[in-house]
């Protein structure tokens, strides 16, 4: 099995997100490994972040043959009567038994009781191509015309990807637009830093589409599932200081 990686992000009271930890499984690992990243130190300095009870020391590797409880607690149990519908909303219904990594990679593992979110490490092939899926962010803040257009979206519909340089909250953002130029929402913030320069240089190399639509009573954060494809060239994503483990692999 190839190594797979998820990052854990934490949101402070000012609504700023910090990638604070990295979860790995596969390849030379006999189970799961968790390590804090540079983002945890920055969160500690800037927003008084405190380590998690399950992982009390920042400069330590944590291993487990089973998925750590922090992450287990963010995956719906297969014995739930609504599990198959949940998996279907995530666009994973073709997988007979999607594993927790697959589920968390799309769902984000958010809970109403805390301020953590999970997202996957973007993986590129030898040519720099990548594909990732996520739920459309911020669609509730689109204008009335865009809201009406959202109601008309169809699965498989192509979207434009555009760089926004004057976002009032994050300054730089990645917009999703319909082909008739309605701005319907944004890509997740964790993608922005790696995509911004690349999109500015090669905007035509990025494209997106609607994978599926989940009408109510689906959770509001899981209404529009998007697939984004692009090329980062020789740039390796998610290797900035915030994403680097504070302790290197043992041995």
C-alpha atoms as a PDB file:
ATOM      1  CA  UNK A   1       0.000   0.000   0.000  1.00  0.00           C
ATOM      2  CA  UNK A   2       1.287   3.452  -0.882  1.00  0.00           C
ATOM      3  CA  UNK A   3       1.600   5.889   2.001  1.00  0.00           C
ATOM      4  CA  UNK A   4      -1.445   8.102   2.388  1.00  0.00           C
ATOM      5  CA  UNK A   5      -1.535  11.322   4.355  1.00  0.00           C
ATOM      6  CA  UNK A   6      -4.202  13.431   5.996  1.00  0.00           C
ATOM      7  CA  UNK A   7      -3.611  16.761   7.709  1.00  0.00           C
ATOM      8  CA  UNK A   8      -5.440  17.966  10.804  1.00  0.00           C
ATOM      9  CA  UNK A   9      -6.325  21.658  10.915  1.00  0.00           C
ATOM     10  CA  UNK A  10      -7.456  23.766  13.885  1.00  0.00           C
ATOM     11  CA  UNK A  11      -9.469  26.994  13.777  1.00  0.00           C
ATOM     12  CA  UNK A  12      -8.884  29.718  16.366  1.00  0.00           C
ATOM     13  CA  UNK A  13     -11.492  32.144  17.724  1.00  0.00           C
ATOM     14  CA  UNK A  14     -10.588  34.597  14.967  1.00  0.00           C
ATOM     15  CA  UNK A  15     -11.554  31.937  12.391  1.00  0.00           C
ATOM     16  CA  UNK A  16      -7.990  31.484  11.163  1.00  0.00           C
ATOM     17  CA  UNK A  17      -7.075  27.922  10.180  1.00  0.00           C
ATOM     18  CA  UNK A  18      -3.746  26.296  11.096  1.00  0.00           C
ATOM     19  CA  UNK A  19      -2.573  22.878   9.811  1.00  0.00           C
ATOM     20  CA  UNK A  20      -1.353  21.396  13.093  1.00  0.00           C
ATOM     21  CA  UNK A  21      -0.826  17.684  12.513  1.00  0.00           C
ATOM     22  CA  UNK A  22      -0.143  14.952   9.986  1.00  0.00           C
ATOM     23  CA  UNK A  23      -1.597  11.421   9.944  1.00  0.00           C
ATOM     24  CA  UNK A  24       0.126   8.766   7.791  1.00  0.00           C
ATOM     25  CA  UNK A  25      -0.712   5.159   6.953  1.00  0.00           C
ATOM     26  CA  UNK A  26       0.765   2.584   4.581  1.00  0.00           C
ATOM     27  CA  UNK A  27       4.076   1.864   2.891  1.00  0.00           C
ATOM     28  CA  UNK A  28       6.648   1.104   5.653  1.00  0.00           C
ATOM     29  CA  UNK A  29       4.214   1.728   8.508  1.00  0.00           C
ATOM     30  CA  UNK A  30       2.609  -1.196  10.330  1.00  0.00           C
ATOM     31  CA  UNK A  31      -0.270   1.028  11.414  1.00  0.00           C
ATOM     32  CA  UNK A  32      -1.018   4.720  11.811  1.00  0.00           C
ATOM     33  CA  UNK A  33       1.401   7.517  12.679  1.00  0.00           C
ATOM     34  CA  UNK A  34       0.578  11.021  13.931  1.00  0.00           C
ATOM     35  CA  UNK A  35       3.025  13.923  14.137  1.00  0.00           C
ATOM     36  CA  UNK A  36       2.523  17.594  14.872  1.00  0.00           C
ATOM     37  CA  UNK A  37       3.572  20.001  12.124  1.00  0.00           C
ATOM     38  CA  UNK A  38       5.086  23.476  12.040  1.00  0.00           C
ATOM     39  CA  UNK A  39       1.592  24.918  11.915  1.00  0.00           C
ATOM     40  CA  UNK A  40       1.060  23.761  15.506  1.00  0.00           C
ATOM     41  CA  UNK A  41       4.007  25.869  16.693  1.00  0.00           C
ATOM     42  CA  UNK A  42       2.679  28.866  14.789  1.00  0.00           C
ATOM     43  CA  UNK A  43      -0.799  28.309  16.244  1.00  0.00           C
ATOM     44  CA  UNK A  44       0.725  28.084  19.717  1.00  0.00           C
ATOM     45  CA  UNK A  45       2.550  31.397  19.268  1.00  0.00           C
ATOM     46  CA  UNK A  46      -0.214  33.307  17.493  1.00  0.00           C
ATOM     47  CA  UNK A  47      -3.442  31.824  18.875  1.00  0.00           C
ATOM     48  CA  UNK A  48      -2.597  29.988  22.137  1.00  0.00           C
ATOM     49  CA  UNK A  49      -3.120  26.520  20.683  1.00  0.00           C
ATOM     50  CA  UNK A  50      -2.820  23.720  23.255  1.00  0.00           C
ATOM     51  CA  UNK A  51      -1.817  20.166  22.395  1.00  0.00           C
ATOM     52  CA  UNK A  52      -4.464  17.471  22.143  1.00  0.00           C
ATOM     53  CA  UNK A  53      -4.937  15.115  25.128  1.00  0.00           C
ATOM     54  CA  UNK A  54      -4.358  12.092  22.861  1.00  0.00           C
ATOM     55  CA  UNK A  55      -1.085  13.634  21.649  1.00  0.00           C
ATOM     56  CA  UNK A  56       0.294  15.637  24.606  1.00  0.00           C
ATOM     57  CA  UNK A  57       3.870  16.242  23.348  1.00  0.00           C
ATOM     58  CA  UNK A  58       4.592  18.157  20.160  1.00  0.00           C
ATOM     59  CA  UNK A  59       8.020  16.700  19.393  1.00  0.00           C
ATOM     60  CA  UNK A  60       7.037  13.054  19.438  1.00  0.00           C
ATOM     61  CA  UNK A  61       5.825  10.438  16.942  1.00  0.00           C
ATOM     62  CA  UNK A  62       2.664   8.584  17.919  1.00  0.00           C
ATOM     63  CA  UNK A  63       1.920   5.105  16.546  1.00  0.00           C
ATOM     64  CA  UNK A  64      -1.168   2.902  16.688  1.00  0.00           C
ATOM     65  CA  UNK A  65      -2.214  -0.340  14.939  1.00  0.00           C
ATOM     66  CA  UNK A  66      -5.722   1.149  14.713  1.00  0.00           C
ATOM     67  CA  UNK A  67      -6.915   4.579  13.694  1.00  0.00           C
ATOM     68  CA  UNK A  68      -6.464   7.024  16.567  1.00  0.00           C
ATOM     69  CA  UNK A  69      -9.673   7.823  18.433  1.00  0.00           C
ATOM     70  CA  UNK A  70      -9.515  11.510  17.456  1.00  0.00           C
ATOM     71  CA  UNK A  71      -9.966  10.461  13.824  1.00  0.00           C
ATOM     72  CA  UNK A  72     -12.211   7.436  14.469  1.00  0.00           C
ATOM     73  CA  UNK A  73     -14.618   9.804  16.168  1.00  0.00           C
ATOM     74  CA  UNK A  74     -14.953  11.746  12.894  1.00  0.00           C
ATOM     75  CA  UNK A  75     -16.030   8.800  10.760  1.00  0.00           C
ATOM     76  CA  UNK A  76     -19.630   7.605  10.743  1.00  0.00           C
ATOM     77  CA  UNK A  77     -19.940   4.016  11.959  1.00  0.00           C
ATOM     78  CA  UNK A  78     -20.927   1.495   9.238  1.00  0.00           C
ATOM     79  CA  UNK A  79     -23.702   0.126  11.457  1.00  0.00           C
ATOM     80  CA  UNK A  80     -25.541   3.449  11.394  1.00  0.00           C
ATOM     81  CA  UNK A  81     -28.793   3.181   9.362  1.00  0.00           C
ATOM     82  CA  UNK A  82     -27.834   6.291   7.373  1.00  0.00           C
ATOM     83  CA  UNK A  83     -24.260   5.183   6.631  1.00  0.00           C
ATOM     84  CA  UNK A  84     -24.881   4.215   2.999  1.00  0.00           C
ATOM     85  CA  UNK A  85     -26.590   7.538   2.343  1.00  0.00           C
ATOM     86  CA  UNK A  86     -23.683   9.356   3.989  1.00  0.00           C
ATOM     87  CA  UNK A  87     -21.176   7.514   1.780  1.00  0.00           C
ATOM     88  CA  UNK A  88     -23.310   8.292  -1.264  1.00  0.00           C
ATOM     89  CA  UNK A  89     -23.223  12.028  -0.438  1.00  0.00           C
ATOM     90  CA  UNK A  90     -19.426  11.815  -0.435  1.00  0.00           C
ATOM     91  CA  UNK A  91     -19.409  10.372  -3.949  1.00  0.00           C
ATOM     92  CA  UNK A  92     -18.000   7.071  -2.654  1.00  0.00           C
ATOM     93  CA  UNK A  93     -21.003   4.844  -3.313  1.00  0.00           C
ATOM     94  CA  UNK A  94     -19.050   2.939  -5.960  1.00  0.00           C
ATOM     95  CA  UNK A  95     -16.706   1.690  -3.253  1.00  0.00           C
ATOM     96  CA  UNK A  96     -18.195  -1.315  -1.488  1.00  0.00           C
ATOM     97  CA  UNK A  97     -16.408  -0.590   1.773  1.00  0.00           C
ATOM     98  CA  UNK A  98     -14.704   2.826   1.713  1.00  0.00           C
ATOM     99  CA  UNK A  99     -12.054   2.995   4.421  1.00  0.00           C
ATOM    100  CA  UNK A 100     -11.831   5.805   7.011  1.00  0.00           C
ATOM    101  CA  UNK A 101      -9.085   7.580   5.042  1.00  0.00           C
ATOM    102  CA  UNK A 102     -11.293   7.743   1.951  1.00  0.00           C
ATOM    103  CA  UNK A 103     -14.225   9.031   3.973  1.00  0.00           C
ATOM    104  CA  UNK A 104     -12.216  11.646   5.877  1.00  0.00           C
ATOM    105  CA  UNK A 105     -10.500  12.841   2.697  1.00  0.00           C
ATOM    106  CA  UNK A 106     -13.850  14.061   1.370  1.00  0.00           C
ATOM    107  CA  UNK A 107     -15.990  14.666   4.455  1.00  0.00           C
ATOM    108  CA  UNK A 108     -13.416  16.734   6.356  1.00  0.00           C
ATOM    109  CA  UNK A 109     -14.435  15.064   9.611  1.00  0.00           C
ATOM    110  CA  UNK A 110     -15.891  18.254  11.069  1.00  0.00           C
ATOM    111  CA  UNK A 111     -17.910  18.092  14.268  1.00  0.00           C
ATOM    112  CA  UNK A 112     -20.163  20.685  15.836  1.00  0.00           C
ATOM    113  CA  UNK A 113     -18.432  20.210  19.192  1.00  0.00           C
ATOM    114  CA  UNK A 114     -14.880  21.305  18.258  1.00  0.00           C
ATOM    115  CA  UNK A 115     -12.786  23.362  15.857  1.00  0.00           C
ATOM    116  CA  UNK A 116     -10.893  20.715  13.900  1.00  0.00           C
ATOM    117  CA  UNK A 117     -11.015  19.665  10.256  1.00  0.00           C
ATOM    118  CA  UNK A 118      -9.240  16.958   8.258  1.00  0.00           C
ATOM    119  CA  UNK A 119      -8.027  17.290   4.675  1.00  0.00           C
ATOM    120  CA  UNK A 120      -5.924  15.141   2.328  1.00  0.00           C
ATOM    121  CA  UNK A 121      -2.388  15.790   1.136  1.00  0.00           C
ATOM    122  CA  UNK A 122      -2.503  16.642  -2.552  1.00  0.00           C
ATOM    123  CA  UNK A 123      -0.571  14.027  -4.518  1.00  0.00           C
ATOM    124  CA  UNK A 124       0.825  14.698  -8.006  1.00  0.00           C
ATOM    125  CA  UNK A 125       2.045  12.262 -10.640  1.00  0.00           C
ATOM    126  CA  UNK A 126       5.402  12.477 -12.439  1.00  0.00           C
ATOM    127  CA  UNK A 127       3.998  15.117 -14.800  1.00  0.00           C
ATOM    128  CA  UNK A 128       2.653  17.245 -11.945  1.00  0.00           C
ATOM    129  CA  UNK A 129      -1.023  16.390 -12.540  1.00  0.00           C
ATOM    130  CA  UNK A 130      -3.396  16.046  -9.600  1.00  0.00           C
ATOM    131  CA  UNK A 131      -7.084  15.494  -8.885  1.00  0.00           C
ATOM    132  CA  UNK A 132      -8.843  16.304  -5.639  1.00  0.00           C
ATOM    133  CA  UNK A 133     -12.420  16.431  -4.377  1.00  0.00           C
ATOM    134  CA  UNK A 134     -14.003  18.730  -1.821  1.00  0.00           C
ATOM    135  CA  UNK A 135     -17.320  20.290  -0.907  1.00  0.00           C
ATOM    136  CA  UNK A 136     -17.946  23.795  -2.218  1.00  0.00           C
ATOM    137  CA  UNK A 137     -17.161  26.395   0.463  1.00  0.00           C
ATOM    138  CA  UNK A 138     -18.988  29.659   1.110  1.00  0.00           C
ATOM    139  CA  UNK A 139     -21.883  29.097  -1.300  1.00  0.00           C
ATOM    140  CA  UNK A 140     -24.293  30.622   1.240  1.00  0.00           C
ATOM    141  CA  UNK A 141     -22.541  33.986   0.762  1.00  0.00           C
ATOM    142  CA  UNK A 142     -23.024  34.102  -3.012  1.00  0.00           C
ATOM    143  CA  UNK A 143     -25.368  36.804  -4.344  1.00  0.00           C
ATOM    144  CA  UNK A 144     -29.008  36.181  -5.219  1.00  0.00           C
ATOM    145  CA  UNK A 145     -28.358  35.548  -8.910  1.00  0.00           C
ATOM    146  CA  UNK A 146     -25.646  33.034  -8.038  1.00  0.00           C
ATOM    147  CA  UNK A 147     -27.954  31.341  -5.516  1.00  0.00           C
ATOM    148  CA  UNK A 148     -30.554  30.907  -8.251  1.00  0.00           C
ATOM    149  CA  UNK A 149     -27.877  29.481 -10.537  1.00  0.00           C
ATOM    150  CA  UNK A 150     -26.753  27.114  -7.790  1.00  0.00           C
ATOM    151  CA  UNK A 151     -30.254  25.683  -7.698  1.00  0.00           C
ATOM    152  CA  UNK A 152     -29.901  24.820 -11.393  1.00  0.00           C
ATOM    153  CA  UNK A 153     -26.537  23.030 -11.166  1.00  0.00           C
ATOM    154  CA  UNK A 154     -26.337  19.507 -12.541  1.00  0.00           C
ATOM    155  CA  UNK A 155     -23.953  16.646 -11.826  1.00  0.00           C
ATOM    156  CA  UNK A 156     -21.176  16.620 -14.402  1.00  0.00           C
ATOM    157  CA  UNK A 157     -21.447  20.345 -15.100  1.00  0.00           C
ATOM    158  CA  UNK A 158     -18.110  21.986 -15.887  1.00  0.00           C
ATOM    159  CA  UNK A 159     -16.914  24.952 -13.806  1.00  0.00           C
ATOM    160  CA  UNK A 160     -14.245  27.609 -14.173  1.00  0.00           C
ATOM    161  CA  UNK A 161     -11.449  28.016 -11.630  1.00  0.00           C
ATOM    162  CA  UNK A 162     -10.413  31.625 -10.950  1.00  0.00           C
ATOM    163  CA  UNK A 163      -7.895  33.317  -8.669  1.00  0.00           C
ATOM    164  CA  UNK A 164      -9.313  36.050  -6.415  1.00  0.00           C
ATOM    165  CA  UNK A 165      -6.793  38.609  -5.136  1.00  0.00           C
ATOM    166  CA  UNK A 166      -9.053  40.863  -3.053  1.00  0.00           C
ATOM    167  CA  UNK A 167     -11.065  38.519  -0.879  1.00  0.00           C
ATOM    168  CA  UNK A 168     -12.162  40.536   2.196  1.00  0.00           C
ATOM    169  CA  UNK A 169     -11.505  37.645   4.589  1.00  0.00           C
ATOM    170  CA  UNK A 170      -8.496  35.741   3.223  1.00  0.00           C
ATOM    171  CA  UNK A 171      -7.135  38.251   0.644  1.00  0.00           C
ATOM    172  CA  UNK A 172      -6.212  35.465  -1.797  1.00  0.00           C
ATOM    173  CA  UNK A 173      -8.810  32.811  -2.632  1.00  0.00           C
ATOM    174  CA  UNK A 174      -9.724  30.342  -5.367  1.00  0.00           C
ATOM    175  CA  UNK A 175     -13.204  30.863  -6.817  1.00  0.00           C
ATOM    176  CA  UNK A 176     -15.468  28.388  -8.578  1.00  0.00           C
ATOM    177  CA  UNK A 177     -17.594  29.896 -11.353  1.00  0.00           C
ATOM    178  CA  UNK A 178     -20.223  28.510 -13.702  1.00  0.00           C
ATOM    179  CA  UNK A 179     -19.503  28.730 -17.417  1.00  0.00           C
ATOM    180  CA  UNK A 180     -22.005  31.612 -17.608  1.00  0.00           C
ATOM    181  CA  UNK A 181     -19.863  33.464 -15.036  1.00  0.00           C
ATOM    182  CA  UNK A 182     -21.769  33.145 -11.784  1.00  0.00           C
ATOM    183  CA  UNK A 183     -19.377  32.982  -8.815  1.00  0.00           C
ATOM    184  CA  UNK A 184     -20.951  30.223  -6.721  1.00  0.00           C
ATOM    185  CA  UNK A 185     -18.334  29.638  -3.998  1.00  0.00           C
ATOM    186  CA  UNK A 186     -14.733  28.852  -3.149  1.00  0.00           C
ATOM    187  CA  UNK A 187     -12.222  26.032  -2.904  1.00  0.00           C
ATOM    188  CA  UNK A 188     -11.010  25.171   0.628  1.00  0.00           C
ATOM    189  CA  UNK A 189      -8.355  27.461   2.084  1.00  0.00           C
ATOM    190  CA  UNK A 190      -5.818  24.650   2.409  1.00  0.00           C
ATOM    191  CA  UNK A 191      -5.501  24.555  -1.393  1.00  0.00           C
ATOM    192  CA  UNK A 192      -4.939  28.263  -1.921  1.00  0.00           C
ATOM    193  CA  UNK A 193      -1.254  28.712  -1.075  1.00  0.00           C
ATOM    194  CA  UNK A 194      -0.130  25.977  -3.480  1.00  0.00           C
ATOM    195  CA  UNK A 195      -2.529  26.893  -6.281  1.00  0.00           C
ATOM    196  CA  UNK A 196      -2.293  30.694  -6.305  1.00  0.00           C
ATOM    197  CA  UNK A 197       0.998  31.146  -8.182  1.00  0.00           C
ATOM    198  CA  UNK A 198       0.342  28.217 -10.476  1.00  0.00           C
ATOM    199  CA  UNK A 199      -3.128  29.423 -11.499  1.00  0.00           C
ATOM    200  CA  UNK A 200      -1.783  32.927 -12.098  1.00  0.00           C
ATOM    201  CA  UNK A 201       0.828  31.515 -14.465  1.00  0.00           C
ATOM    202  CA  UNK A 202      -1.280  28.840 -16.197  1.00  0.00           C
ATOM    203  CA  UNK A 203      -5.005  29.468 -15.611  1.00  0.00           C
ATOM    204  CA  UNK A 204      -6.031  27.204 -18.493  1.00  0.00           C
ATOM    205  CA  UNK A 205      -4.504  24.149 -16.839  1.00  0.00           C
ATOM    206  CA  UNK A 206      -7.132  24.088 -14.089  1.00  0.00           C
ATOM    207  CA  UNK A 207     -10.660  22.813 -14.461  1.00  0.00           C
ATOM    208  CA  UNK A 208     -13.423  21.670 -12.171  1.00  0.00           C
ATOM    209  CA  UNK A 209     -16.785  19.963 -12.347  1.00  0.00           C
ATOM    210  CA  UNK A 210     -19.790  19.219 -10.167  1.00  0.00           C
ATOM    211  CA  UNK A 211     -19.617  15.591  -9.011  1.00  0.00           C
ATOM    212  CA  UNK A 212     -22.923  15.457  -7.169  1.00  0.00           C
ATOM    213  CA  UNK A 213     -25.559  17.615  -5.513  1.00  0.00           C
ATOM    214  CA  UNK A 214     -26.944  16.801  -2.070  1.00  0.00           C
ATOM    215  CA  UNK A 215     -30.238  18.617  -1.402  1.00  0.00           C
ATOM    216  CA  UNK A 216     -31.696  18.998   2.100  1.00  0.00           C
ATOM    217  CA  UNK A 217     -31.721  17.297   4.536  1.00  0.00           C
ATOM    218  CA  UNK A 218     -28.028  16.808   3.706  1.00  0.00           C
ATOM    219  CA  UNK A 219     -25.763  18.981   5.897  1.00  0.00           C
ATOM    220  CA  UNK A 220     -25.249  22.481   4.483  1.00  0.00           C
ATOM    221  CA  UNK A 221     -21.479  21.913   4.289  1.00  0.00           C
ATOM    222  CA  UNK A 222     -22.032  18.877   2.050  1.00  0.00           C
ATOM    223  CA  UNK A 223     -24.387  20.302  -0.583  1.00  0.00           C
ATOM    224  CA  UNK A 224     -22.117  20.527  -3.681  1.00  0.00           C
ATOM    225  CA  UNK A 225     -19.291  18.026  -4.234  1.00  0.00           C
ATOM    226  CA  UNK A 226     -16.583  19.373  -6.565  1.00  0.00           C
ATOM    227  CA  UNK A 227     -13.715  17.697  -8.403  1.00  0.00           C
ATOM    228  CA  UNK A 228     -10.728  19.907  -9.241  1.00  0.00           C
ATOM    229  CA  UNK A 229      -8.018  18.880 -11.694  1.00  0.00           C
ATOM    230  CA  UNK A 230      -4.822  20.692 -12.530  1.00  0.00           C
ATOM    231  CA  UNK A 231      -1.079  20.636 -12.993  1.00  0.00           C
ATOM    232  CA  UNK A 232       1.521  21.976 -10.560  1.00  0.00           C
ATOM    233  CA  UNK A 233       4.518  21.292 -12.798  1.00  0.00           C
ATOM    234  CA  UNK A 234       7.603  20.615 -10.692  1.00  0.00           C
ATOM    235  CA  UNK A 235       6.081  22.199  -7.592  1.00  0.00           C
ATOM    236  CA  UNK A 236       5.469  19.717  -4.776  1.00  0.00           C
ATOM    237  CA  UNK A 237       2.362  20.724  -2.811  1.00  0.00           C
ATOM    238  CA  UNK A 238       1.995  21.015   0.933  1.00  0.00           C
ATOM    239  CA  UNK A 239       5.670  21.057   1.874  1.00  0.00           C
ATOM    240  CA  UNK A 240       5.753  24.521   3.415  1.00  0.00           C
ATOM    241  CA  UNK A 241       6.819  24.981   7.036  1.00  0.00           C
ATOM    242  CA  UNK A 242       3.255  24.675   8.341  1.00  0.00           C
ATOM    243  CA  UNK A 243       2.972  21.201   6.805  1.00  0.00           C
ATOM    244  CA  UNK A 244       6.363  19.779   7.790  1.00  0.00           C
ATOM    245  CA  UNK A 245       6.443  17.347  10.752  1.00  0.00           C
ATOM    246  CA  UNK A 246       8.210  18.655  13.853  1.00  0.00           C
ATOM    247  CA  UNK A 247       9.926  15.288  14.223  1.00  0.00           C
ATOM    248  CA  UNK A 248      11.291  13.246  11.345  1.00  0.00           C
ATOM    249  CA  UNK A 249      10.443   9.567  10.908  1.00  0.00           C
ATOM    250  CA  UNK A 250      12.185   7.342  13.423  1.00  0.00           C
ATOM    251  CA  UNK A 251      15.096   5.326  12.133  1.00  0.00           C
END
